[in-house]
Every structure is written in structure tokens, then in C-alpha cells.
Amino acid sequence: MRIRRPLLYPAELRALVWFVGLGLASVVGANYHELPLPASDMAKGGAMKKTARKKPTAPSKKTSATADVEPKFAPVVAAFAKDREVTYGGKGFGSTGLKVKGKLFAMISSKGKFVAKLPKDRVDELVRLGQGEYFDPGHGRLMKEWISFDGGAKSWPDLAVEARRFVGRA
């Protein structure tokens, strides 16, 4: 009777896993740096080097006190100084702005215009009254729920409060 040889002996399997790297090692449930070196490297007296893993760092939150706020936008940021859910920072449409629950609701565009996210009906009404225009983030497609304003900085905090209510309700 003939005894069949297994396809791979355990030592060969470990060597193969080491060679393949993370692919098969993650399937087996082992980390590649925890596996022994292949037999050929072990014969040379080599040992696998363990490298220190970097600890993930929490992203730093920008606040109105630490971030550079555009002077035109400062009254809008100041209006939300006591609102703990509102943060200033991050990027949206290439600009830094105000966010609630991680969602952008007001900003100064790269063209220096005040931009806010409002319900579509409200945006349509403001555009019809000539107070603002649909926001174009730069690719030629107008946004239905975003409106941009050239002037009228006195009304920006009120519009930002309205935008915060709209975005923050979800």
C-alpha cells in the first residue's frame, strides 16, 4: 500500500504564507510578522525583525480660536461659538467651513462667496428674488440645495442658522 504525501506539510504552508505576505496570512488569522521564517532562512540563522506599529492619532479638530477664519466669515463662525455640535474646519468643495455632525452647511467658496445649504424650495425662492444664485462648485453643474451670495454679509449669520437647522435635523 502506498502512503500519499499531503499537498503541503505545515512547515511548507507557513513558508508559503510568509512568502505570499498578508494575502493568505490574513485568511489563516495570523499576522505575517508573527510567522516563522522559511526553513532556508532559519538555516542561515536569520530572524524576522519586528517593527513597532504606529499608534493611530486622532485628527485634530480646528476651532474658531485656532483656525484662520476669513474676516467676512468671522461673524458667521461667531454665531455658532456656543453650539457644541458645530465645528469649523475640514474641507468641502475645496473650502473650509462650518459643519454639524460632520456635514458641511456653510462656507466661503474659493471665489470668496458665502455658500449655504438650504432646502431646495428655499434656494429656488432666494434665487427667484435675486438675493443669491445656485452654487457651482466648479464643474459646471449647479447644486440644487446650495446657494451662494456675493454681498449682504449682514444676513449671512441668519442664513447660516437656517442652514444649520436644515443639515442638523438628519
Protein backbone atom coordinates (compact mmCIF):
# COMPACT_ATOMS: atom_id res chain seq x y z
CA MET A 1 0.00 0.00 0.00
CA ARG A 2 1.29 3.39 -0.92
CA ILE A 3 1.08 6.33 1.52
CA ARG A 4 0.11 9.59 -0.07
CA ARG A 5 2.09 12.71 0.77
CA PRO A 6 -0.02 15.73 1.80
CA LEU A 7 -0.03 18.57 -0.69
CA LEU A 8 1.87 20.79 1.74
CA TYR A 9 3.34 19.97 5.12
CA PRO A 10 2.63 22.54 7.86
CA ALA A 11 6.18 23.96 7.68
CA GLU A 12 5.88 24.39 3.93
CA LEU A 13 2.50 26.04 4.35
CA ARG A 14 3.97 28.55 6.80
CA ALA A 15 6.79 29.27 4.37
CA LEU A 16 4.28 29.82 1.58
CA VAL A 17 2.18 32.09 3.78
CA TRP A 18 5.28 34.08 4.68
CA PHE A 19 6.20 34.41 1.03
CA VAL A 20 2.74 35.45 -0.10
CA GLY A 21 2.59 38.03 2.69
CA LEU A 22 -0.67 39.28 4.04
CA GLY A 23 -2.83 37.54 1.46
CA LEU A 24 -3.02 34.04 2.93
CA ALA A 25 -1.86 35.09 6.40
CA SER A 26 -5.00 37.13 6.93
CA VAL A 27 -7.10 34.14 5.88
CA VAL A 28 -5.32 31.88 8.35
CA GLY A 29 -5.76 34.54 11.04
CA ALA A 30 -2.08 35.18 11.70
CA ASN A 31 -0.11 38.34 11.13
CA TYR A 32 2.71 37.92 8.67
CA HIS A 33 5.31 39.24 11.13
CA GLU A 34 4.34 36.54 13.65
CA LEU A 35 5.04 33.65 11.26
CA PRO A 36 8.43 31.93 11.31
CA LEU A 37 10.87 32.46 8.50
CA PRO A 38 11.03 29.86 5.75
CA ALA A 39 13.30 26.89 6.51
CA SER A 40 16.03 28.22 4.21
CA ASP A 41 16.28 31.48 6.19
CA MET A 42 16.10 29.65 9.52
CA ALA A 43 19.08 27.53 8.45
CA LYS A 44 21.06 30.75 7.93
CA GLY A 45 20.29 31.77 11.50
CA GLY A 46 18.14 34.71 10.44
CA ALA A 47 15.28 36.02 12.46
CA MET A 48 12.38 38.11 11.35
CA LYS A 49 12.56 41.68 12.55
CA LYS A 50 9.58 43.04 14.39
CA THR A 51 8.78 46.62 13.67
CA ALA A 52 6.94 48.90 16.01
CA ARG A 53 3.44 49.74 14.88
CA LYS A 54 2.46 53.36 14.79
CA LYS A 55 -0.33 54.28 17.10
CA PRO A 56 -3.18 55.98 15.26
CA THR A 57 -3.53 59.61 16.17
CA ALA A 58 -6.86 61.32 16.44
CA PRO A 59 -7.40 64.03 13.84
CA SER A 60 -7.11 67.46 15.35
CA LYS A 61 -10.29 69.46 15.40
CA LYS A 62 -9.98 73.03 14.30
CA THR A 63 -11.96 75.51 16.29
CA SER A 64 -12.66 79.14 15.63
CA ALA A 65 -9.94 80.06 18.10
CA THR A 66 -7.17 78.10 16.33
CA ALA A 67 -8.15 78.22 12.69
CA ASP A 68 -7.67 81.14 10.37
CA VAL A 69 -11.15 82.47 9.69
CA GLU A 70 -11.72 84.77 6.75
CA PRO A 71 -12.77 88.20 8.13
CA LYS A 72 -16.02 88.20 6.13
CA PHE A 73 -16.91 84.80 7.57
CA ALA A 74 -15.99 85.60 11.19
CA PRO A 75 -19.49 86.84 12.22
CA VAL A 76 -20.98 83.58 10.93
CA VAL A 77 -18.47 81.48 12.89
CA ALA A 78 -19.06 83.61 15.98
CA ALA A 79 -22.81 82.95 15.75
CA PHE A 80 -22.10 79.25 16.46
CA ALA A 81 -19.48 79.71 19.16
CA LYS A 82 -21.74 78.22 21.87
CA ASP A 83 -23.16 75.42 19.73
CA ARG A 84 -21.23 72.28 20.74
CA GLU A 85 -22.36 70.28 17.69
CA VAL A 86 -20.92 72.80 15.21
CA THR A 87 -17.26 72.59 14.20
CA TYR A 88 -15.16 74.77 11.94
CA GLY A 89 -12.63 73.08 9.73
CA GLY A 90 -12.23 70.27 7.28
CA LYS A 91 -12.72 70.59 3.58
CA GLY A 92 -15.81 70.64 1.44
CA PHE A 93 -15.86 71.72 -2.21
CA GLY A 94 -12.22 72.74 -1.63
CA SER A 95 -13.13 75.23 1.10
CA THR A 96 -13.10 75.27 4.88
CA GLY A 97 -16.47 75.76 6.54
CA LEU A 98 -18.92 75.05 9.33
CA LYS A 99 -20.11 71.51 9.94
CA VAL A 100 -22.78 69.91 12.09
CA LYS A 101 -22.47 66.17 12.81
CA GLY A 102 -19.67 66.09 10.24
CA LYS A 103 -21.80 67.58 7.46
CA LEU A 104 -20.93 70.90 5.85
CA PHE A 105 -23.64 73.56 5.96
CA ALA A 106 -21.93 76.95 5.43
CA MET A 107 -18.62 78.13 3.97
CA ILE A 108 -16.78 80.76 1.98
CA SER A 109 -16.12 79.45 -1.52
CA SER A 110 -12.77 79.68 -3.29
CA LYS A 111 -14.23 82.67 -5.16
CA GLY A 112 -14.95 84.50 -1.89
CA LYS A 113 -18.72 83.99 -1.90
CA PHE A 114 -20.78 82.90 1.11
CA VAL A 115 -22.33 79.47 0.43
CA ALA A 116 -25.03 77.73 2.47
CA LYS A 117 -27.02 74.50 2.20
CA LEU A 118 -30.76 75.12 2.38
CA PRO A 119 -33.88 73.21 1.30
CA LYS A 120 -34.39 73.23 -2.48
CA ASP A 121 -37.63 75.26 -2.24
CA ARG A 122 -35.88 77.93 -0.14
CA VAL A 123 -32.95 78.10 -2.58
CA ASP A 124 -35.38 78.45 -5.52
CA GLU A 125 -37.18 81.28 -3.69
CA LEU A 126 -33.97 83.20 -2.91
CA VAL A 127 -32.72 82.83 -6.48
CA ARG A 128 -36.11 83.98 -7.84
CA LEU A 129 -35.93 87.07 -5.57
CA GLY A 130 -32.44 87.81 -6.89
CA GLN A 131 -30.77 87.54 -3.48
CA GLY A 132 -28.41 84.74 -4.47
CA GLU A 133 -27.55 82.22 -7.15
CA TYR A 134 -27.27 78.46 -7.38
CA PHE A 135 -23.84 77.32 -6.22
CA ASP A 136 -21.48 75.99 -8.88
CA PRO A 137 -18.61 74.05 -7.25
CA GLY A 138 -16.55 74.45 -10.41
CA HIS A 139 -17.57 71.60 -12.68
CA GLY A 140 -20.43 73.47 -14.35
CA ARG A 141 -23.27 71.63 -12.59
CA LEU A 142 -25.40 73.85 -10.38
CA MET A 143 -26.26 72.46 -6.95
CA LYS A 144 -29.98 72.40 -6.13
CA GLU A 145 -29.65 72.70 -2.34
CA TRP A 146 -26.67 75.06 -2.22
CA ILE A 147 -26.87 78.83 -2.70
CA SER A 148 -24.09 81.39 -2.98
CA PHE A 149 -24.20 85.08 -2.09
CA ASP A 150 -21.90 87.86 -3.28
CA GLY A 151 -22.85 90.58 -0.82
CA GLY A 152 -25.27 91.12 2.02
CA ALA A 153 -22.90 89.90 4.75
CA LYS A 154 -25.32 91.14 7.42
CA SER A 155 -27.80 88.38 6.55
CA TRP A 156 -25.19 85.59 6.47
CA PRO A 157 -25.47 84.56 10.16
CA ASP A 158 -29.26 84.23 9.82
CA LEU A 159 -28.91 82.14 6.67
CA ALA A 160 -26.24 80.00 8.36
CA VAL A 161 -28.60 79.35 11.30
CA GLU A 162 -31.27 78.29 8.81
CA ALA A 163 -28.75 76.04 7.04
CA ARG A 164 -27.62 74.51 10.35
CA ARG A 165 -31.22 73.61 11.21
CA PHE A 166 -31.71 72.05 7.76
CA VAL A 167 -28.50 69.96 7.79
CA GLY A 168 -28.55 69.15 11.52
CA ARG A 169 -32.02 67.62 11.56
CA ALA A 170 -30.92 64.44 9.75
